[in-house]
C-alpha cells in the first residue's frame, strides 16, 4: 500500500526539487543557517510538490494510458483509485502548506501557492492539452522551489529571488523540449501539442539552443549582482558552455536525434544540480544593496 501512495507523488520530481529549494535557502541564508527553518521549508515544500504531482496524476489518467512511459502509473493501472489518489493529494497539500504557513514567511507561502496553482490548475487542466505554450507555462511552476527556499529566509522577493525565478524557468525549457524529442511518439500518441510534435523537431532544436544561451547569461547575474562569487561564475560558465556545445551538436548531419536529446536532457539535470550546490556554497556573506519588495 505504501508503495503505490508513494509512486503517485512522483518521488523523482520531489527529489529534484529538494536540491533547488536547498540551494535557494542556503544562498539567502549566507552562512547563518536556521536548521529548523530549513527542515520546515524542505518538508513543507516537498509535501506541496507531492500533492501537486498526485493530483496531476489524477488529471492525466486518460493521456497517461496512451503513453508508453506512463502506462504503468498506479492511477492508470487501477492500483490506486481516483478518489484515493485525489484525497491523498489534498491531505499532502494541506499539511505542506500548513507547515510553510506556520514556520516560514508569507512570501514563501505565496510563491508555493503560485507554483501549485500554475501546475495543477493552469498547466495540467488546460495548457498541457491545448497549447504549444504549455511547456512555457509549466516552467514557471518548476522554477518556484528555489524561490520558496530563498523567500523562507528573507521574507522578501528581491533581485536575488527574481534571478532564481528567471534562471530556473529558462532551464526548464531545453530540459522539457529534450524529453519531448526523445519521447516524441508518446506525446504524438496522446495528442499533446509539445513543440517538437506541433511545430517540428528542427524548431525545437533551435529553441533548445536559444534557451540555453539565454539561461547561461542569466546565471551570470548572480555573481554580477554580488549574490555569489568567482567559484559560482566559473562553474556556471563551464557547465552552461558545455551544455550549449552539446545542444549545437544537434545540427550535425550524422546525429542520432533521440540519442542526442537524451544526452541534452541528462546533462540538464547534472547542470542544475551542480549550480544549485555551488550557489549554496559560494555565497557572499554581505548582502548586496538592492531593492527588495516586501510581502
C-alpha atoms as a PDB file:
ATOM      1  CA  UNK A   1       0.000   0.000   0.000  1.00  0.00           C
ATOM      2  CA  UNK A   2       2.759   2.455   0.915  1.00  0.00           C
ATOM      3  CA  UNK A   3       4.481   1.898  -2.437  1.00  0.00           C
ATOM      4  CA  UNK A   4       1.518   2.984  -4.550  1.00  0.00           C
ATOM      5  CA  UNK A   5       0.841   6.027  -2.399  1.00  0.00           C
ATOM      6  CA  UNK A   6       4.491   6.988  -2.780  1.00  0.00           C
ATOM      7  CA  UNK A   7       4.561   6.380  -6.524  1.00  0.00           C
ATOM      8  CA  UNK A   8       1.558   8.587  -7.184  1.00  0.00           C
ATOM      9  CA  UNK A   9       3.531  11.557  -5.808  1.00  0.00           C
ATOM     10  CA  UNK A  10       6.354  11.155  -8.397  1.00  0.00           C
ATOM     11  CA  UNK A  11       9.256  10.860  -5.916  1.00  0.00           C
ATOM     12  CA  UNK A  12      11.832  11.573  -8.631  1.00  0.00           C
ATOM     13  CA  UNK A  13      10.390  15.052  -9.146  1.00  0.00           C
ATOM     14  CA  UNK A  14      10.296  15.642  -5.384  1.00  0.00           C
ATOM     15  CA  UNK A  15      13.981  14.729  -5.050  1.00  0.00           C
ATOM     16  CA  UNK A  16      14.921  17.065  -7.882  1.00  0.00           C
ATOM     17  CA  UNK A  17      13.086  19.926  -6.209  1.00  0.00           C
ATOM     18  CA  UNK A  18      14.818  19.243  -2.880  1.00  0.00           C
ATOM     19  CA  UNK A  19      18.169  20.222  -4.381  1.00  0.00           C
ATOM     20  CA  UNK A  20      16.883  23.505  -5.803  1.00  0.00           C
ATOM     21  CA  UNK A  21      14.938  24.567  -2.703  1.00  0.00           C
ATOM     22  CA  UNK A  22      18.013  23.873  -0.569  1.00  0.00           C
ATOM     23  CA  UNK A  23      20.150  25.862  -2.990  1.00  0.00           C
ATOM     24  CA  UNK A  24      17.843  28.870  -2.747  1.00  0.00           C
ATOM     25  CA  UNK A  25      17.689  28.571   1.042  1.00  0.00           C
ATOM     26  CA  UNK A  26      21.454  28.417   1.535  1.00  0.00           C
ATOM     27  CA  UNK A  27      22.038  31.239  -0.948  1.00  0.00           C
ATOM     28  CA  UNK A  28      19.726  33.512   1.050  1.00  0.00           C
ATOM     29  CA  UNK A  29      20.988  32.338   4.455  1.00  0.00           C
ATOM     30  CA  UNK A  30      24.604  33.266   3.587  1.00  0.00           C
ATOM     31  CA  UNK A  31      26.069  31.011   6.229  1.00  0.00           C
ATOM     32  CA  UNK A  32      23.633  31.940   9.002  1.00  0.00           C
ATOM     33  CA  UNK A  33      21.532  28.796   8.814  1.00  0.00           C
ATOM     34  CA  UNK A  34      18.400  28.190  10.866  1.00  0.00           C
ATOM     35  CA  UNK A  35      18.253  24.413  10.554  1.00  0.00           C
ATOM     36  CA  UNK A  36      14.713  24.141  11.905  1.00  0.00           C
ATOM     37  CA  UNK A  37      13.509  26.688   9.354  1.00  0.00           C
ATOM     38  CA  UNK A  38      15.286  24.787   6.619  1.00  0.00           C
ATOM     39  CA  UNK A  39      13.691  21.494   7.677  1.00  0.00           C
ATOM     40  CA  UNK A  40      10.228  23.092   7.760  1.00  0.00           C
ATOM     41  CA  UNK A  41      10.799  24.646   4.319  1.00  0.00           C
ATOM     42  CA  UNK A  42      12.125  21.484   2.694  1.00  0.00           C
ATOM     43  CA  UNK A  43       9.495  19.174   4.198  1.00  0.00           C
ATOM     44  CA  UNK A  44       6.647  21.635   3.652  1.00  0.00           C
ATOM     45  CA  UNK A  45       7.506  22.295   0.011  1.00  0.00           C
ATOM     46  CA  UNK A  46       8.155  18.596  -0.653  1.00  0.00           C
ATOM     47  CA  UNK A  47       4.636  17.812   0.552  1.00  0.00           C
ATOM     48  CA  UNK A  48       3.206  20.594  -1.618  1.00  0.00           C
ATOM     49  CA  UNK A  49       5.058  19.233  -4.656  1.00  0.00           C
ATOM     50  CA  UNK A  50       3.907  15.700  -3.810  1.00  0.00           C
ATOM     51  CA  UNK A  51       0.337  16.964  -3.590  1.00  0.00           C
ATOM     52  CA  UNK A  52       0.546  18.636  -6.987  1.00  0.00           C
ATOM     53  CA  UNK A  53       2.023  15.513  -8.561  1.00  0.00           C
ATOM     54  CA  UNK A  54      -0.670  13.251  -7.080  1.00  0.00           C
ATOM     55  CA  UNK A  55      -3.450  15.464  -8.390  1.00  0.00           C
ATOM     56  CA  UNK A  56      -1.673  15.806 -11.741  1.00  0.00           C
ATOM     57  CA  UNK A  57      -1.704  12.004 -11.982  1.00  0.00           C
ATOM     58  CA  UNK A  58      -5.453  12.056 -11.392  1.00  0.00           C
ATOM     59  CA  UNK A  59      -5.962  14.642 -14.131  1.00  0.00           C
ATOM     60  CA  UNK A  60      -3.676  12.882 -16.625  1.00  0.00           C
ATOM     61  CA  UNK A  61      -5.075   9.357 -16.311  1.00  0.00           C
ATOM     62  CA  UNK A  62      -6.514   9.364 -19.836  1.00  0.00           C
ATOM     63  CA  UNK A  63      -3.397  10.627 -21.616  1.00  0.00           C
ATOM     64  CA  UNK A  64      -1.052   8.600 -19.404  1.00  0.00           C
ATOM     65  CA  UNK A  65      -2.797   5.455 -20.656  1.00  0.00           C
ATOM     66  CA  UNK A  66      -1.740   6.345 -24.227  1.00  0.00           C
ATOM     67  CA  UNK A  67       1.955   6.935 -23.441  1.00  0.00           C
ATOM     68  CA  UNK A  68       4.369   4.034 -23.106  1.00  0.00           C
ATOM     69  CA  UNK A  69       6.402   5.613 -20.307  1.00  0.00           C
ATOM     70  CA  UNK A  70       3.314   6.372 -18.184  1.00  0.00           C
ATOM     71  CA  UNK A  71       1.092   3.345 -18.872  1.00  0.00           C
ATOM     72  CA  UNK A  72       2.161   1.674 -15.643  1.00  0.00           C
ATOM     73  CA  UNK A  73       1.397   4.585 -13.336  1.00  0.00           C
ATOM     74  CA  UNK A  74      -0.773   3.429 -10.455  1.00  0.00           C
ATOM     75  CA  UNK A  75      -3.607   5.773 -11.453  1.00  0.00           C
ATOM     76  CA  UNK A  76      -3.680   4.123 -14.900  1.00  0.00           C
ATOM     77  CA  UNK A  77      -3.378   0.502 -13.792  1.00  0.00           C
ATOM     78  CA  UNK A  78      -6.030   0.956 -11.104  1.00  0.00           C
ATOM     79  CA  UNK A  79      -3.699   0.086  -8.221  1.00  0.00           C
ATOM     80  CA  UNK A  80      -4.992   3.250  -6.618  1.00  0.00           C
ATOM     81  CA  UNK A  81      -8.417   4.733  -7.264  1.00  0.00           C
ATOM     82  CA  UNK A  82      -9.059   8.278  -8.426  1.00  0.00           C
ATOM     83  CA  UNK A  83     -10.691   9.143  -5.105  1.00  0.00           C
ATOM     84  CA  UNK A  84      -7.828   7.704  -3.053  1.00  0.00           C
ATOM     85  CA  UNK A  85      -5.157   9.459  -5.126  1.00  0.00           C
ATOM     86  CA  UNK A  86      -7.036  12.756  -5.093  1.00  0.00           C
ATOM     87  CA  UNK A  87      -7.687  12.586  -1.343  1.00  0.00           C
ATOM     88  CA  UNK A  88      -4.040  11.701  -0.766  1.00  0.00           C
ATOM     89  CA  UNK A  89      -3.037  14.757  -2.765  1.00  0.00           C
ATOM     90  CA  UNK A  90      -5.353  17.067  -0.843  1.00  0.00           C
ATOM     91  CA  UNK A  91      -4.089  15.850   2.540  1.00  0.00           C
ATOM     92  CA  UNK A  92      -0.464  16.277   1.473  1.00  0.00           C
ATOM     93  CA  UNK A  93      -1.220  19.782   0.235  1.00  0.00           C
ATOM     94  CA  UNK A  94      -2.968  20.847   3.433  1.00  0.00           C
ATOM     95  CA  UNK A  95      -0.113  19.571   5.600  1.00  0.00           C
ATOM     96  CA  UNK A  96       2.550  21.039   3.310  1.00  0.00           C
ATOM     97  CA  UNK A  97       1.001  24.495   3.102  1.00  0.00           C
ATOM     98  CA  UNK A  98       0.302  24.334   6.825  1.00  0.00           C
ATOM     99  CA  UNK A  99       3.998  23.777   7.591  1.00  0.00           C
ATOM    100  CA  UNK A 100       5.038  26.595   5.291  1.00  0.00           C
ATOM    101  CA  UNK A 101       2.453  28.966   6.748  1.00  0.00           C
ATOM    102  CA  UNK A 102       3.376  28.168  10.359  1.00  0.00           C
ATOM    103  CA  UNK A 103       7.143  28.221  10.126  1.00  0.00           C
ATOM    104  CA  UNK A 104       8.286  30.148   7.045  1.00  0.00           C
ATOM    105  CA  UNK A 105       7.177  33.505   5.612  1.00  0.00           C
ATOM    106  CA  UNK A 106       4.098  34.820   3.791  1.00  0.00           C
ATOM    107  CA  UNK A 107       6.207  35.401   0.667  1.00  0.00           C
ATOM    108  CA  UNK A 108       7.393  31.778   0.659  1.00  0.00           C
ATOM    109  CA  UNK A 109       3.797  30.589   1.032  1.00  0.00           C
ATOM    110  CA  UNK A 110       2.679  32.927  -1.761  1.00  0.00           C
ATOM    111  CA  UNK A 111       5.186  31.520  -4.235  1.00  0.00           C
ATOM    112  CA  UNK A 112       4.414  27.951  -3.216  1.00  0.00           C
ATOM    113  CA  UNK A 113       0.740  28.719  -3.893  1.00  0.00           C
ATOM    114  CA  UNK A 114       1.530  30.358  -7.242  1.00  0.00           C
ATOM    115  CA  UNK A 115       3.548  27.321  -8.318  1.00  0.00           C
ATOM    116  CA  UNK A 116       0.791  24.966  -7.197  1.00  0.00           C
ATOM    117  CA  UNK A 117      -1.998  26.831  -8.987  1.00  0.00           C
ATOM    118  CA  UNK A 118       0.033  27.143 -12.179  1.00  0.00           C
ATOM    119  CA  UNK A 119       0.977  23.447 -12.217  1.00  0.00           C
ATOM    120  CA  UNK A 120      -2.320  21.905 -11.176  1.00  0.00           C
ATOM    121  CA  UNK A 121      -4.811  24.473 -12.409  1.00  0.00           C
ATOM    122  CA  UNK A 122      -3.393  26.185 -15.483  1.00  0.00           C
ATOM    123  CA  UNK A 123      -0.864  23.687 -16.836  1.00  0.00           C
ATOM    124  CA  UNK A 124      -2.383  20.285 -16.019  1.00  0.00           C
ATOM    125  CA  UNK A 125      -6.029  21.146 -16.616  1.00  0.00           C
ATOM    126  CA  UNK A 126      -5.658  23.201 -19.777  1.00  0.00           C
ATOM    127  CA  UNK A 127      -2.311  24.283 -21.234  1.00  0.00           C
ATOM    128  CA  UNK A 128      -0.669  20.852 -21.446  1.00  0.00           C
ATOM    129  CA  UNK A 129      -3.514  19.512 -23.580  1.00  0.00           C
ATOM    130  CA  UNK A 130      -4.344  22.565 -25.644  1.00  0.00           C
ATOM    131  CA  UNK A 131      -1.352  24.797 -26.293  1.00  0.00           C
ATOM    132  CA  UNK A 132       2.191  24.599 -27.589  1.00  0.00           C
ATOM    133  CA  UNK A 133       2.951  27.152 -24.871  1.00  0.00           C
ATOM    134  CA  UNK A 134       2.108  24.647 -22.153  1.00  0.00           C
ATOM    135  CA  UNK A 135       5.810  23.980 -21.562  1.00  0.00           C
ATOM    136  CA  UNK A 136       6.458  27.694 -21.044  1.00  0.00           C
ATOM    137  CA  UNK A 137       3.637  27.991 -18.515  1.00  0.00           C
ATOM    138  CA  UNK A 138       4.723  24.812 -16.755  1.00  0.00           C
ATOM    139  CA  UNK A 139       8.272  26.136 -16.474  1.00  0.00           C
ATOM    140  CA  UNK A 140       7.061  28.775 -14.026  1.00  0.00           C
ATOM    141  CA  UNK A 141       5.877  26.169 -11.536  1.00  0.00           C
ATOM    142  CA  UNK A 142       9.138  24.270 -11.943  1.00  0.00           C
ATOM    143  CA  UNK A 143      11.084  27.422 -11.059  1.00  0.00           C
ATOM    144  CA  UNK A 144       9.232  28.064  -7.799  1.00  0.00           C
ATOM    145  CA  UNK A 145      11.120  25.740  -5.352  1.00  0.00           C
ATOM    146  CA  UNK A 146      14.400  27.723  -5.161  1.00  0.00           C
ATOM    147  CA  UNK A 147      12.389  30.940  -4.795  1.00  0.00           C
ATOM    148  CA  UNK A 148      10.413  29.430  -1.912  1.00  0.00           C
ATOM    149  CA  UNK A 149      13.672  28.390  -0.247  1.00  0.00           C
ATOM    150  CA  UNK A 150      15.105  31.867  -0.742  1.00  0.00           C
ATOM    151  CA  UNK A 151      11.994  33.715   0.457  1.00  0.00           C
ATOM    152  CA  UNK A 152      11.669  31.442   3.505  1.00  0.00           C
ATOM    153  CA  UNK A 153      14.881  33.094   4.732  1.00  0.00           C
ATOM    154  CA  UNK A 154      14.499  36.668   3.504  1.00  0.00           C
ATOM    155  CA  UNK A 155      10.734  37.127   3.607  1.00  0.00           C
ATOM    156  CA  UNK A 156      11.072  39.329   0.530  1.00  0.00           C
ATOM    157  CA  UNK A 157      11.061  38.983  -3.241  1.00  0.00           C
ATOM    158  CA  UNK A 158      14.219  40.854  -4.157  1.00  0.00           C
ATOM    159  CA  UNK A 159      16.597  40.806  -7.111  1.00  0.00           C
ATOM    160  CA  UNK A 160      18.130  37.519  -5.961  1.00  0.00           C
ATOM    161  CA  UNK A 161      14.743  35.801  -5.914  1.00  0.00           C
ATOM    162  CA  UNK A 162      13.884  37.266  -9.319  1.00  0.00           C
ATOM    163  CA  UNK A 163      17.131  35.963 -10.829  1.00  0.00           C
ATOM    164  CA  UNK A 164      16.430  32.484  -9.434  1.00  0.00           C
ATOM    165  CA  UNK A 165      12.895  32.532 -10.849  1.00  0.00           C
ATOM    166  CA  UNK A 166      14.028  33.512 -14.351  1.00  0.00           C
ATOM    167  CA  UNK A 167      17.076  31.251 -14.265  1.00  0.00           C
ATOM    168  CA  UNK A 168      15.174  28.109 -13.298  1.00  0.00           C
ATOM    169  CA  UNK A 169      12.301  28.920 -15.696  1.00  0.00           C
ATOM    170  CA  UNK A 170      14.747  29.185 -18.593  1.00  0.00           C
ATOM    171  CA  UNK A 171      16.445  25.935 -17.564  1.00  0.00           C
ATOM    172  CA  UNK A 172      13.121  24.083 -17.711  1.00  0.00           C
ATOM    173  CA  UNK A 173      12.617  24.818 -21.409  1.00  0.00           C
ATOM    174  CA  UNK A 174      15.513  22.902 -23.068  1.00  0.00           C
ATOM    175  CA  UNK A 175      15.155  20.234 -20.388  1.00  0.00           C
ATOM    176  CA  UNK A 176      11.487  19.713 -21.323  1.00  0.00           C
ATOM    177  CA  UNK A 177      11.974  20.014 -25.086  1.00  0.00           C
ATOM    178  CA  UNK A 178      14.696  17.361 -24.957  1.00  0.00           C
ATOM    179  CA  UNK A 179      12.250  14.996 -23.235  1.00  0.00           C
ATOM    180  CA  UNK A 180       9.608  15.788 -25.852  1.00  0.00           C
ATOM    181  CA  UNK A 181      12.052  14.917 -28.647  1.00  0.00           C
ATOM    182  CA  UNK A 182      13.136  11.517 -27.370  1.00  0.00           C
ATOM    183  CA  UNK A 183       9.578  10.783 -26.231  1.00  0.00           C
ATOM    184  CA  UNK A 184       8.106  12.137 -29.471  1.00  0.00           C
ATOM    185  CA  UNK A 185       5.989   9.063 -30.214  1.00  0.00           C
ATOM    186  CA  UNK A 186       4.448   9.111 -26.732  1.00  0.00           C
ATOM    187  CA  UNK A 187       3.417  12.758 -26.973  1.00  0.00           C
ATOM    188  CA  UNK A 188       2.088  12.279 -30.504  1.00  0.00           C
ATOM    189  CA  UNK A 189       0.055   9.236 -29.434  1.00  0.00           C
ATOM    190  CA  UNK A 190      -1.514  11.216 -26.579  1.00  0.00           C
ATOM    191  CA  UNK A 191      -2.063  14.237 -28.858  1.00  0.00           C
ATOM    192  CA  UNK A 192      -0.138  16.567 -26.553  1.00  0.00           C
ATOM    193  CA  UNK A 193       0.902  19.678 -28.517  1.00  0.00           C
ATOM    194  CA  UNK A 194       4.511  19.998 -27.343  1.00  0.00           C
ATOM    195  CA  UNK A 195       6.790  21.982 -29.663  1.00  0.00           C
ATOM    196  CA  UNK A 196       8.518  19.037 -31.436  1.00  0.00           C
ATOM    197  CA  UNK A 197       5.151  17.415 -32.203  1.00  0.00           C
ATOM    198  CA  UNK A 198       3.277  20.600 -33.077  1.00  0.00           C
ATOM    199  CA  UNK A 199       5.926  22.546 -34.981  1.00  0.00           C
ATOM    200  CA  UNK A 200       8.698  20.069 -35.704  1.00  0.00           C
ATOM    201  CA  UNK A 201      11.954  18.819 -34.213  1.00  0.00           C
ATOM    202  CA  UNK A 202      14.005  21.391 -36.168  1.00  0.00           C
ATOM    203  CA  UNK A 203      12.247  24.255 -34.413  1.00  0.00           C
ATOM    204  CA  UNK A 204      12.606  22.502 -31.062  1.00  0.00           C
ATOM    205  CA  UNK A 205      16.374  22.183 -31.657  1.00  0.00           C
ATOM    206  CA  UNK A 206      16.606  25.921 -32.324  1.00  0.00           C
ATOM    207  CA  UNK A 207      14.637  26.739 -29.186  1.00  0.00           C
ATOM    208  CA  UNK A 208      16.846  24.445 -27.105  1.00  0.00           C
ATOM    209  CA  UNK A 209      19.971  26.289 -28.274  1.00  0.00           C
ATOM    210  CA  UNK A 210      18.445  29.737 -27.735  1.00  0.00           C
ATOM    211  CA  UNK A 211      17.083  28.963 -24.274  1.00  0.00           C
ATOM    212  CA  UNK A 212      20.409  27.513 -23.123  1.00  0.00           C
ATOM    213  CA  UNK A 213      22.231  30.605 -24.387  1.00  0.00           C
ATOM    214  CA  UNK A 214      19.894  32.974 -22.524  1.00  0.00           C
ATOM    215  CA  UNK A 215      19.983  30.749 -19.440  1.00  0.00           C
ATOM    216  CA  UNK A 216      23.793  30.951 -19.449  1.00  0.00           C
ATOM    217  CA  UNK A 217      23.611  34.757 -19.478  1.00  0.00           C
ATOM    218  CA  UNK A 218      21.035  34.901 -16.671  1.00  0.00           C
ATOM    219  CA  UNK A 219      23.113  32.664 -14.391  1.00  0.00           C
ATOM    220  CA  UNK A 220      25.853  35.307 -14.621  1.00  0.00           C
ATOM    221  CA  UNK A 221      23.555  37.807 -12.921  1.00  0.00           C
ATOM    222  CA  UNK A 222      24.044  36.066  -9.549  1.00  0.00           C
ATOM    223  CA  UNK A 223      27.791  36.780  -9.346  1.00  0.00           C
ATOM    224  CA  UNK A 224      27.481  40.119 -11.162  1.00  0.00           C
ATOM    225  CA  UNK A 225      24.871  41.257  -8.606  1.00  0.00           C
ATOM    226  CA  UNK A 226      27.043  40.109  -5.726  1.00  0.00           C
ATOM    227  CA  UNK A 227      24.987  37.141  -4.574  1.00  0.00           C
ATOM    228  CA  UNK A 228      27.666  34.579  -5.405  1.00  0.00           C
ATOM    229  CA  UNK A 229      31.393  34.648  -6.041  1.00  0.00           C
ATOM    230  CA  UNK A 230      34.046  33.698  -8.557  1.00  0.00           C
ATOM    231  CA  UNK A 231      33.662  29.952  -7.957  1.00  0.00           C
ATOM    232  CA  UNK A 232      29.994  30.042  -8.968  1.00  0.00           C
ATOM    233  CA  UNK A 233      30.828  32.112 -12.042  1.00  0.00           C
ATOM    234  CA  UNK A 234      33.499  29.623 -13.111  1.00  0.00           C
ATOM    235  CA  UNK A 235      31.223  26.627 -12.612  1.00  0.00           C
ATOM    236  CA  UNK A 236      28.265  28.333 -14.301  1.00  0.00           C
ATOM    237  CA  UNK A 237      30.367  29.335 -17.323  1.00  0.00           C
ATOM    238  CA  UNK A 238      31.834  25.869 -17.694  1.00  0.00           C
ATOM    239  CA  UNK A 239      28.636  23.864 -17.332  1.00  0.00           C
ATOM    240  CA  UNK A 240      26.488  26.229 -19.390  1.00  0.00           C
ATOM    241  CA  UNK A 241      29.051  26.414 -22.206  1.00  0.00           C
ATOM    242  CA  UNK A 242      29.344  22.628 -22.277  1.00  0.00           C
ATOM    243  CA  UNK A 243      25.544  22.296 -22.352  1.00  0.00           C
ATOM    244  CA  UNK A 244      25.379  24.787 -25.228  1.00  0.00           C
ATOM    245  CA  UNK A 245      28.019  22.887 -27.204  1.00  0.00           C
ATOM    246  CA  UNK A 246      26.097  19.675 -26.601  1.00  0.00           C
ATOM    247  CA  UNK A 247      22.918  21.339 -27.907  1.00  0.00           C
ATOM    248  CA  UNK A 248      24.688  22.655 -31.014  1.00  0.00           C
ATOM    249  CA  UNK A 249      25.778  19.113 -31.858  1.00  0.00           C
ATOM    250  CA  UNK A 250      22.136  18.500 -32.701  1.00  0.00           C
ATOM    251  CA  UNK A 251      22.803  20.213 -36.041  1.00  0.00           C
ATOM    252  CA  UNK A 252      25.366  17.649 -37.164  1.00  0.00           C
ATOM    253  CA  UNK A 253      24.156  15.737 -40.210  1.00  0.00           C
ATOM    254  CA  UNK A 254      25.076  12.337 -38.798  1.00  0.00           C
ATOM    255  CA  UNK A 255      23.426  12.930 -35.399  1.00  0.00           C
ATOM    256  CA  UNK A 256      21.038  10.387 -33.945  1.00  0.00           C
ATOM    257  CA  UNK A 257      18.358  12.779 -32.735  1.00  0.00           C
ATOM    258  CA  UNK A 258      16.890  10.609 -29.991  1.00  0.00           C
ATOM    259  CA  UNK A 259      20.308   9.791 -28.523  1.00  0.00           C
ATOM    260  CA  UNK A 260      21.336  13.451 -28.735  1.00  0.00           C
ATOM    261  CA  UNK A 261      18.144  14.591 -26.950  1.00  0.00           C
ATOM    262  CA  UNK A 262      18.720  12.077 -24.153  1.00  0.00           C
ATOM    263  CA  UNK A 263      22.225  13.477 -23.620  1.00  0.00           C
ATOM    264  CA  UNK A 264      20.930  17.063 -23.554  1.00  0.00           C
ATOM    265  CA  UNK A 265      18.279  16.009 -21.034  1.00  0.00           C
ATOM    266  CA  UNK A 266      20.721  14.104 -18.817  1.00  0.00           C
ATOM    267  CA  UNK A 267      23.220  16.955 -18.770  1.00  0.00           C
ATOM    268  CA  UNK A 268      20.449  19.439 -17.931  1.00  0.00           C
ATOM    269  CA  UNK A 269      19.894  17.604 -14.637  1.00  0.00           C
ATOM    270  CA  UNK A 270      23.616  17.498 -13.894  1.00  0.00           C
ATOM    271  CA  UNK A 271      23.929  21.177 -14.767  1.00  0.00           C
ATOM    272  CA  UNK A 272      21.203  22.468 -12.472  1.00  0.00           C
ATOM    273  CA  UNK A 273      22.268  20.150  -9.638  1.00  0.00           C
ATOM    274  CA  UNK A 274      25.850  21.390  -9.764  1.00  0.00           C
ATOM    275  CA  UNK A 275      24.741  25.037  -9.922  1.00  0.00           C
ATOM    276  CA  UNK A 276      22.313  24.591  -7.017  1.00  0.00           C
ATOM    277  CA  UNK A 277      25.077  23.085  -4.876  1.00  0.00           C
ATOM    278  CA  UNK A 278      27.597  25.726  -5.923  1.00  0.00           C
ATOM    279  CA  UNK A 279      25.340  28.681  -5.189  1.00  0.00           C
ATOM    280  CA  UNK A 280      24.605  27.157  -1.782  1.00  0.00           C
ATOM    281  CA  UNK A 281      28.329  27.090  -1.007  1.00  0.00           C
ATOM    282  CA  UNK A 282      29.694  30.136  -2.834  1.00  0.00           C
ATOM    283  CA  UNK A 283      27.503  32.834  -1.315  1.00  0.00           C
ATOM    284  CA  UNK A 284      28.601  36.288  -0.250  1.00  0.00           C
ATOM    285  CA  UNK A 285      28.273  36.951   3.475  1.00  0.00           C
ATOM    286  CA  UNK A 286      27.273  40.582   2.954  1.00  0.00           C
ATOM    287  CA  UNK A 287      24.025  41.003   1.047  1.00  0.00           C
ATOM    288  CA  UNK A 288      24.171  43.362  -1.913  1.00  0.00           C
ATOM    289  CA  UNK A 289      22.347  46.638  -1.517  1.00  0.00           C
ATOM    290  CA  UNK A 290      19.462  46.005  -3.874  1.00  0.00           C
ATOM    291  CA  UNK A 291      15.831  46.953  -3.719  1.00  0.00           C
ATOM    292  CA  UNK A 292      13.590  44.395  -2.009  1.00  0.00           C
ATOM    293  CA  UNK A 293       9.853  44.142  -2.447  1.00  0.00           C
ATOM    294  CA  UNK A 294       8.342  43.224   0.890  1.00  0.00           C
ATOM    295  CA  UNK A 295       5.379  40.913   1.037  1.00  0.00           C
END
